[in-house]
Every structure is written in C-alpha cells, then in structure tokens.
Amino acid sequence: MGLVALGAALAIGLAAIGPGIGQGIAASKALEGMARQPEAAGILRTNMILAFAFMESLSIYGLVIAFLLFAKI
C-alpha cells in the first residue's frame, strides 16, 4: 500500500512539474512578444492558450496513472 501511494505521488509530482515550468516559460515569452508587437497580441494569445491546453493534458495523464495505481489496490 505504501509503495503504491509513493508511486502515485511521484506520478502526479513529475507530471505536474514539467508542464508547470513549460507554462511559466510560455507565458513569459508570450507576454514579451505582446509587449514588443501589440498588434500580434491576438494571435499570440490564441497560440498560448492552445499550448497551455496541450501542456495540461500531460498533467492529466499523470493524474490518470495515479488513479490507476490506486485502483489496483
């Protein structure tokens, strides 16, 4: 039981850290681009939101793996 809980915690933690860092970098660069070219803000915002959705899907995969580990108990 303890090893399953540790595995689930690692699955969630590792699945959340990558997209978290990626979202911070993407938001930083998108805001920098919007500041440099305000006329392109709409396109940058749309692309940033799409990128966030793809990054969040990686976190959801980690959550699914954690749920599957707990379902095996």
PDB file of N, CA and C in Angstrom:
ATOM      1  N   MET A   1       0.833  -1.199   0.000  1.00  0.00           N
ATOM      2  CA  MET A   1       0.000   0.000   0.000  1.00  0.00           C
ATOM      3  C   MET A   1       0.877   1.262   0.000  1.00  0.00           C
ATOM      4  N   GLY A   2       1.942   1.229   0.791  1.00  0.00           N
ATOM      5  CA  GLY A   2       2.815   2.397   0.880  1.00  0.00           C
ATOM      6  C   GLY A   2       3.542   2.679  -0.419  1.00  0.00           C
ATOM      7  N   LEU A   3       3.992   1.628  -1.097  1.00  0.00           N
ATOM      8  CA  LEU A   3       4.698   1.826  -2.362  1.00  0.00           C
ATOM      9  C   LEU A   3       3.760   2.330  -3.460  1.00  0.00           C
ATOM     10  N   VAL A   4       2.505   1.896  -3.406  1.00  0.00           N
ATOM     11  CA  VAL A   4       1.530   2.388  -4.386  1.00  0.00           C
ATOM     12  C   VAL A   4       1.286   3.875  -4.171  1.00  0.00           C
ATOM     13  N   ALA A   5       1.169   4.276  -2.909  1.00  0.00           N
ATOM     14  CA  ALA A   5       0.970   5.695  -2.604  1.00  0.00           C
ATOM     15  C   ALA A   5       2.185   6.517  -3.042  1.00  0.00           C
ATOM     16  N   LEU A   6       3.381   5.968  -2.827  1.00  0.00           N
ATOM     17  CA  LEU A   6       4.592   6.667  -3.265  1.00  0.00           C
ATOM     18  C   LEU A   6       4.649   6.772  -4.785  1.00  0.00           C
ATOM     19  N   GLY A   7       4.274   5.707  -5.471  1.00  0.00           N
ATOM     20  CA  GLY A   7       4.242   5.734  -6.940  1.00  0.00           C
ATOM     21  C   GLY A   7       3.236   6.738  -7.473  1.00  0.00           C
ATOM     22  N   ALA A   8       2.068   6.797  -6.832  1.00  0.00           N
ATOM     23  CA  ALA A   8       1.054   7.766  -7.262  1.00  0.00           C
ATOM     24  C   ALA A   8       1.531   9.191  -7.023  1.00  0.00           C
ATOM     25  N   ALA A   9       2.185   9.419  -5.881  1.00  0.00           N
ATOM     26  CA  ALA A   9       2.700  10.760  -5.589  1.00  0.00           C
ATOM     27  C   ALA A   9       3.772  11.163  -6.596  1.00  0.00           C
ATOM     28  N   LEU A  10       4.634  10.230  -6.947  1.00  0.00           N
ATOM     29  CA  LEU A  10       5.659  10.522  -7.947  1.00  0.00           C
ATOM     30  C   LEU A  10       5.046  10.776  -9.317  1.00  0.00           C
ATOM     31  N   ALA A  11       4.007  10.006  -9.665  1.00  0.00           N
ATOM     32  CA  ALA A  11       3.354  10.211 -10.958  1.00  0.00           C
ATOM     33  C   ALA A  11       2.753  11.607 -11.055  1.00  0.00           C
ATOM     34  N   ILE A  12       2.071  12.031 -10.011  1.00  0.00           N
ATOM     35  CA  ILE A  12       1.467  13.364 -10.012  1.00  0.00           C
ATOM     36  C   ILE A  12       2.543  14.442  -9.980  1.00  0.00           C
ATOM     37  N   GLY A  13       3.523  14.270  -9.104  1.00  0.00           N
ATOM     38  CA  GLY A  13       4.561  15.293  -8.955  1.00  0.00           C
ATOM     39  C   GLY A  13       5.374  15.497 -10.216  1.00  0.00           C
ATOM     40  N   LEU A  14       5.824  14.412 -10.811  1.00  0.00           N
ATOM     41  CA  LEU A  14       6.640  14.534 -12.021  1.00  0.00           C
ATOM     42  C   LEU A  14       5.810  14.988 -13.216  1.00  0.00           C
ATOM     43  N   ALA A  15       4.530  14.593 -13.233  1.00  0.00           N
ATOM     44  CA  ALA A  15       3.678  15.015 -14.342  1.00  0.00           C
ATOM     45  C   ALA A  15       3.288  16.484 -14.219  1.00  0.00           C
ATOM     46  N   ALA A  16       3.364  17.040 -13.027  1.00  0.00           N
ATOM     47  CA  ALA A  16       2.973  18.439 -12.845  1.00  0.00           C
ATOM     48  C   ALA A  16       4.147  19.402 -12.980  1.00  0.00           C
ATOM     49  N   ILE A  17       5.349  18.939 -12.666  1.00  0.00           N
ATOM     50  CA  ILE A  17       6.485  19.861 -12.662  1.00  0.00           C
ATOM     51  C   ILE A  17       6.888  20.303 -14.070  1.00  0.00           C
ATOM     52  N   GLY A  18       6.864  19.382 -15.019  1.00  0.00           N
ATOM     53  CA  GLY A  18       7.245  19.727 -16.392  1.00  0.00           C
ATOM     54  C   GLY A  18       6.312  20.750 -17.033  1.00  0.00           C
ATOM     55  N   PRO A  19       4.997  20.456 -17.051  1.00  0.00           N
ATOM     56  CA  PRO A  19       4.079  21.448 -17.615  1.00  0.00           C
ATOM     57  C   PRO A  19       4.062  22.761 -16.843  1.00  0.00           C
ATOM     58  N   GLY A  20       4.305  22.705 -15.532  1.00  0.00           N
ATOM     59  CA  GLY A  20       4.344  23.944 -14.749  1.00  0.00           C
ATOM     60  C   GLY A  20       5.480  24.855 -15.192  1.00  0.00           C
ATOM     61  N   ILE A  21       6.640  24.276 -15.380  1.00  0.00           N
ATOM     62  CA  ILE A  21       7.784  25.049 -15.868  1.00  0.00           C
ATOM     63  C   ILE A  21       7.532  25.527 -17.296  1.00  0.00           C
ATOM     64  N   GLY A  22       6.985  24.640 -18.121  1.00  0.00           N
ATOM     65  CA  GLY A  22       6.700  25.000 -19.512  1.00  0.00           C
ATOM     66  C   GLY A  22       5.681  26.114 -19.635  1.00  0.00           C
ATOM     67  N   GLN A  23       4.662  26.089 -18.785  1.00  0.00           N
ATOM     68  CA  GLN A  23       3.654  27.144 -18.836  1.00  0.00           C
ATOM     69  C   GLN A  23       4.240  28.482 -18.409  1.00  0.00           C
ATOM     70  N   GLY A  24       5.112  28.457 -17.421  1.00  0.00           N
ATOM     71  CA  GLY A  24       5.755  29.699 -16.999  1.00  0.00           C
ATOM     72  C   GLY A  24       6.609  30.298 -18.104  1.00  0.00           C
ATOM     73  N   ILE A  25       7.367  29.448 -18.779  1.00  0.00           N
ATOM     74  CA  ILE A  25       8.214  29.934 -19.873  1.00  0.00           C
ATOM     75  C   ILE A  25       7.358  30.423 -21.034  1.00  0.00           C
ATOM     76  N   ALA A  26       6.308  29.675 -21.370  1.00  0.00           N
ATOM     77  CA  ALA A  26       5.443  30.070 -22.490  1.00  0.00           C
ATOM     78  C   ALA A  26       4.728  31.391 -22.200  1.00  0.00           C
ATOM     79  N   ALA A  27       4.230  31.546 -20.979  1.00  0.00           N
ATOM     80  CA  ALA A  27       3.555  32.799 -20.628  1.00  0.00           C
ATOM     81  C   ALA A  27       4.530  33.962 -20.664  1.00  0.00           C
ATOM     82  N   SER A  28       5.735  33.743 -20.176  1.00  0.00           N
ATOM     83  CA  SER A  28       6.752  34.796 -20.187  1.00  0.00           C
ATOM     84  C   SER A  28       7.064  35.247 -21.610  1.00  0.00           C
ATOM     85  N   LYS A  29       7.280  34.287 -22.489  1.00  0.00           N
ATOM     86  CA  LYS A  29       7.635  34.622 -23.872  1.00  0.00           C
ATOM     87  C   LYS A  29       6.454  35.243 -24.619  1.00  0.00           C
ATOM     88  N   ALA A  30       5.239  34.764 -24.330  1.00  0.00           N
ATOM     89  CA  ALA A  30       4.063  35.346 -24.994  1.00  0.00           C
ATOM     90  C   ALA A  30       3.860  36.795 -24.554  1.00  0.00           C
ATOM     91  N   LEU A  31       4.012  37.060 -23.268  1.00  0.00           N
ATOM     92  CA  LEU A  31       3.873  38.440 -22.792  1.00  0.00           C
ATOM     93  C   LEU A  31       4.977  39.329 -23.343  1.00  0.00           C
ATOM     94  N   GLU A  32       6.163  38.773 -23.465  1.00  0.00           N
ATOM     95  CA  GLU A  32       7.261  39.534 -24.058  1.00  0.00           C
ATOM     96  C   GLU A  32       6.960  39.855 -25.519  1.00  0.00           C
ATOM     97  N   GLY A  33       6.418  38.887 -26.243  1.00  0.00           N
ATOM     98  CA  GLY A  33       6.047  39.116 -27.644  1.00  0.00           C
ATOM     99  C   GLY A  33       4.929  40.128 -27.785  1.00  0.00           C
ATOM    100  N   MET A  34       3.946  40.069 -26.860  1.00  0.00           N
ATOM    101  CA  MET A  34       2.845  41.037 -26.898  1.00  0.00           C
ATOM    102  C   MET A  34       3.344  42.444 -26.600  1.00  0.00           C
ATOM    103  N   ALA A  35       4.332  42.557 -25.718  1.00  0.00           N
ATOM    104  CA  ALA A  35       4.883  43.875 -25.392  1.00  0.00           C
ATOM    105  C   ALA A  35       5.679  44.444 -26.569  1.00  0.00           C
ATOM    106  N   ARG A  36       6.342  43.571 -27.303  1.00  0.00           N
ATOM    107  CA  ARG A  36       7.147  44.033 -28.433  1.00  0.00           C
ATOM    108  C   ARG A  36       6.296  44.350 -29.664  1.00  0.00           C
ATOM    109  N   GLN A  37       5.252  43.541 -29.882  1.00  0.00           N
ATOM    110  CA  GLN A  37       4.373  43.749 -31.042  1.00  0.00           C
ATOM    111  C   GLN A  37       2.914  43.662 -30.585  1.00  0.00           C
ATOM    112  N   PRO A  38       2.365  44.774 -30.117  1.00  0.00           N
ATOM    113  CA  PRO A  38       0.986  44.746 -29.619  1.00  0.00           C
ATOM    114  C   PRO A  38      -0.047  44.343 -30.679  1.00  0.00           C
ATOM    115  N   GLU A  39       0.262  44.560 -31.944  1.00  0.00           N
ATOM    116  CA  GLU A  39      -0.711  44.210 -32.985  1.00  0.00           C
ATOM    117  C   GLU A  39      -0.834  42.699 -33.171  1.00  0.00           C
ATOM    118  N   ALA A  40       0.134  41.945 -32.694  1.00  0.00           N
ATOM    119  CA  ALA A  40       0.096  40.485 -32.814  1.00  0.00           C
ATOM    120  C   ALA A  40      -0.416  39.822 -31.533  1.00  0.00           C
ATOM    121  N   ALA A  41      -0.970  40.602 -30.623  1.00  0.00           N
ATOM    122  CA  ALA A  41      -1.385  40.063 -29.321  1.00  0.00           C
ATOM    123  C   ALA A  41      -2.469  38.996 -29.462  1.00  0.00           C
ATOM    124  N   GLY A  42      -3.405  39.179 -30.368  1.00  0.00           N
ATOM    125  CA  GLY A  42      -4.490  38.206 -30.528  1.00  0.00           C
ATOM    126  C   GLY A  42      -3.982  36.839 -30.964  1.00  0.00           C
ATOM    127  N   ILE A  43      -3.091  36.830 -31.935  1.00  0.00           N
ATOM    128  CA  ILE A  43      -2.532  35.562 -32.426  1.00  0.00           C
ATOM    129  C   ILE A  43      -1.674  34.905 -31.348  1.00  0.00           C
ATOM    130  N   LEU A  44      -0.855  35.702 -30.651  1.00  0.00           N
ATOM    131  CA  LEU A  44      -0.016  35.151 -29.593  1.00  0.00           C
ATOM    132  C   LEU A  44      -0.861  34.581 -28.455  1.00  0.00           C
ATOM    133  N   ARG A  45      -1.929  35.272 -28.099  1.00  0.00           N
ATOM    134  CA  ARG A  45      -2.798  34.809 -27.016  1.00  0.00           C
ATOM    135  C   ARG A  45      -3.465  33.487 -27.389  1.00  0.00           C
ATOM    136  N   THR A  46      -3.942  33.381 -28.622  1.00  0.00           N
ATOM    137  CA  THR A  46      -4.578  32.145 -29.074  1.00  0.00           C
ATOM    138  C   THR A  46      -3.595  30.982 -29.055  1.00  0.00           C
ATOM    139  N   ASN A  47      -2.396  31.205 -29.572  1.00  0.00           N
ATOM    140  CA  ASN A  47      -1.387  30.152 -29.584  1.00  0.00           C
ATOM    141  C   ASN A  47      -0.957  29.771 -28.170  1.00  0.00           C
ATOM    142  N   MET A  48      -0.891  30.755 -27.276  1.00  0.00           N
ATOM    143  CA  MET A  48      -0.504  30.477 -25.901  1.00  0.00           C
ATOM    144  C   MET A  48      -1.555  29.622 -25.203  1.00  0.00           C
ATOM    145  N   ILE A  49      -2.820  29.929 -25.408  1.00  0.00           N
ATOM    146  CA  ILE A  49      -3.884  29.148 -24.787  1.00  0.00           C
ATOM    147  C   ILE A  49      -3.896  27.723 -25.323  1.00  0.00           C
ATOM    148  N   LEU A  50      -3.662  27.545 -26.615  1.00  0.00           N
ATOM    149  CA  LEU A  50      -3.563  26.194 -27.180  1.00  0.00           C
ATOM    150  C   LEU A  50      -2.386  25.432 -26.577  1.00  0.00           C
ATOM    151  N   ALA A  51      -1.261  26.092 -26.436  1.00  0.00           N
ATOM    152  CA  ALA A  51      -0.091  25.449 -25.843  1.00  0.00           C
ATOM    153  C   ALA A  51      -0.360  25.061 -24.391  1.00  0.00           C
ATOM    154  N   PHE A  52      -1.060  25.924 -23.652  1.00  0.00           N
ATOM    155  CA  PHE A  52      -1.409  25.599 -22.264  1.00  0.00           C
ATOM    156  C   PHE A  52      -2.302  24.364 -22.207  1.00  0.00           C
ATOM    157  N   ALA A  53      -3.241  24.255 -23.132  1.00  0.00           N
ATOM    158  CA  ALA A  53      -4.134  23.096 -23.138  1.00  0.00           C
ATOM    159  C   ALA A  53      -3.352  21.815 -23.386  1.00  0.00           C
ATOM    160  N   PHE A  54      -2.399  21.852 -24.302  1.00  0.00           N
ATOM    161  CA  PHE A  54      -1.587  20.661 -24.570  1.00  0.00           C
ATOM    162  C   PHE A  54      -0.701  20.319 -23.383  1.00  0.00           C
ATOM    163  N   MET A  55      -0.170  21.333 -22.703  1.00  0.00           N
ATOM    164  CA  MET A  55       0.674  21.075 -21.540  1.00  0.00           C
ATOM    165  C   MET A  55      -0.150  20.502 -20.384  1.00  0.00           C
ATOM    166  N   GLU A  56      -1.358  20.999 -20.204  1.00  0.00           N
ATOM    167  CA  GLU A  56      -2.210  20.489 -19.133  1.00  0.00           C
ATOM    168  C   GLU A  56      -2.618  19.042 -19.378  1.00  0.00           C
ATOM    169  N   SER A  57      -2.710  18.644 -20.646  1.00  0.00           N
ATOM    170  CA  SER A  57      -3.069  17.257 -20.928  1.00  0.00           C
ATOM    171  C   SER A  57      -1.991  16.310 -20.395  1.00  0.00           C
ATOM    172  N   LEU A  58      -0.737  16.740 -20.367  1.00  0.00           N
ATOM    173  CA  LEU A  58       0.326  15.910 -19.795  1.00  0.00           C
ATOM    174  C   LEU A  58       0.127  15.722 -18.295  1.00  0.00           C
ATOM    175  N   SER A  59      -0.316  16.755 -17.610  1.00  0.00           N
ATOM    176  CA  SER A  59      -0.596  16.631 -16.179  1.00  0.00           C
ATOM    177  C   SER A  59      -1.766  15.698 -15.930  1.00  0.00           C
ATOM    178  N   ILE A  60      -2.752  15.755 -16.795  1.00  0.00           N
ATOM    179  CA  ILE A  60      -3.918  14.888 -16.635  1.00  0.00           C
ATOM    180  C   ILE A  60      -3.526  13.431 -16.843  1.00  0.00           C
ATOM    181  N   TYR A  61      -2.572  13.149 -17.739  1.00  0.00           N
ATOM    182  CA  TYR A  61      -2.092  11.774 -17.906  1.00  0.00           C
ATOM    183  C   TYR A  61      -1.472  11.267 -16.607  1.00  0.00           C
ATOM    184  N   GLY A  62      -0.712  12.096 -15.929  1.00  0.00           N
ATOM    185  CA  GLY A  62      -0.137  11.714 -14.641  1.00  0.00           C
ATOM    186  C   GLY A  62      -1.205  11.437 -13.603  1.00  0.00           C
ATOM    187  N   LEU A  63      -2.268  12.239 -13.604  1.00  0.00           N
ATOM    188  CA  LEU A  63      -3.380  12.024 -12.686  1.00  0.00           C
ATOM    189  C   LEU A  63      -4.075  10.705 -12.976  1.00  0.00           C
ATOM    190  N   VAL A  64      -4.259  10.388 -14.249  1.00  0.00           N
ATOM    191  CA  VAL A  64      -4.888   9.116 -14.629  1.00  0.00           C
ATOM    192  C   VAL A  64      -4.036   7.938 -14.170  1.00  0.00           C
ATOM    193  N   ILE A  65      -2.728   8.053 -14.325  1.00  0.00           N
ATOM    194  CA  ILE A  65      -1.838   6.976 -13.881  1.00  0.00           C
ATOM    195  C   ILE A  65      -1.938   6.802 -12.362  1.00  0.00           C
ATOM    196  N   ALA A  66      -2.008   7.910 -11.628  1.00  0.00           N
ATOM    197  CA  ALA A  66      -2.148   7.813 -10.170  1.00  0.00           C
ATOM    198  C   ALA A  66      -3.471   7.137  -9.802  1.00  0.00           C
ATOM    199  N   PHE A  67      -4.546   7.483 -10.495  1.00  0.00           N
ATOM    200  CA  PHE A  67      -5.837   6.826 -10.218  1.00  0.00           C
ATOM    201  C   PHE A  67      -5.774   5.339 -10.547  1.00  0.00           C
ATOM    202  N   LEU A  68      -5.101   4.991 -11.627  1.00  0.00           N
ATOM    203  CA  LEU A  68      -4.971   3.574 -11.987  1.00  0.00           C
ATOM    204  C   LEU A  68      -4.150   2.811 -10.953  1.00  0.00           C
ATOM    205  N   LEU A  69      -3.135   3.453 -10.393  1.00  0.00           N
ATOM    206  CA  LEU A  69      -2.352   2.797  -9.355  1.00  0.00           C
ATOM    207  C   LEU A  69      -3.202   2.533  -8.121  1.00  0.00           C
ATOM    208  N   PHE A  70      -4.038   3.490  -7.734  1.00  0.00           N
ATOM    209  CA  PHE A  70      -4.896   3.289  -6.579  1.00  0.00           C
ATOM    210  C   PHE A  70      -6.015   2.300  -6.861  1.00  0.00           C
ATOM    211  N   ALA A  71      -6.396   2.142  -8.106  1.00  0.00           N
ATOM    212  CA  ALA A  71      -7.446   1.185  -8.442  1.00  0.00           C
ATOM    213  C   ALA A  71      -6.937  -0.253  -8.350  1.00  0.00           C
ATOM    214  N   LYS A  72      -5.614  -0.437  -8.419  1.00  0.00           N
ATOM    215  CA  LYS A  72      -5.031  -1.780  -8.356  1.00  0.00           C
ATOM    216  C   LYS A  72      -5.011  -2.334  -6.936  1.00  0.00           C
ATOM    217  N   ILE A  73      -5.276  -1.490  -5.965  1.00  0.00           N
ATOM    218  CA  ILE A  73      -5.227  -1.946  -4.557  1.00  0.00           C
ATOM    219  C   ILE A  73      -6.393  -2.843  -4.241  1.00  0.00           C
TER     220      ILE A  73
END
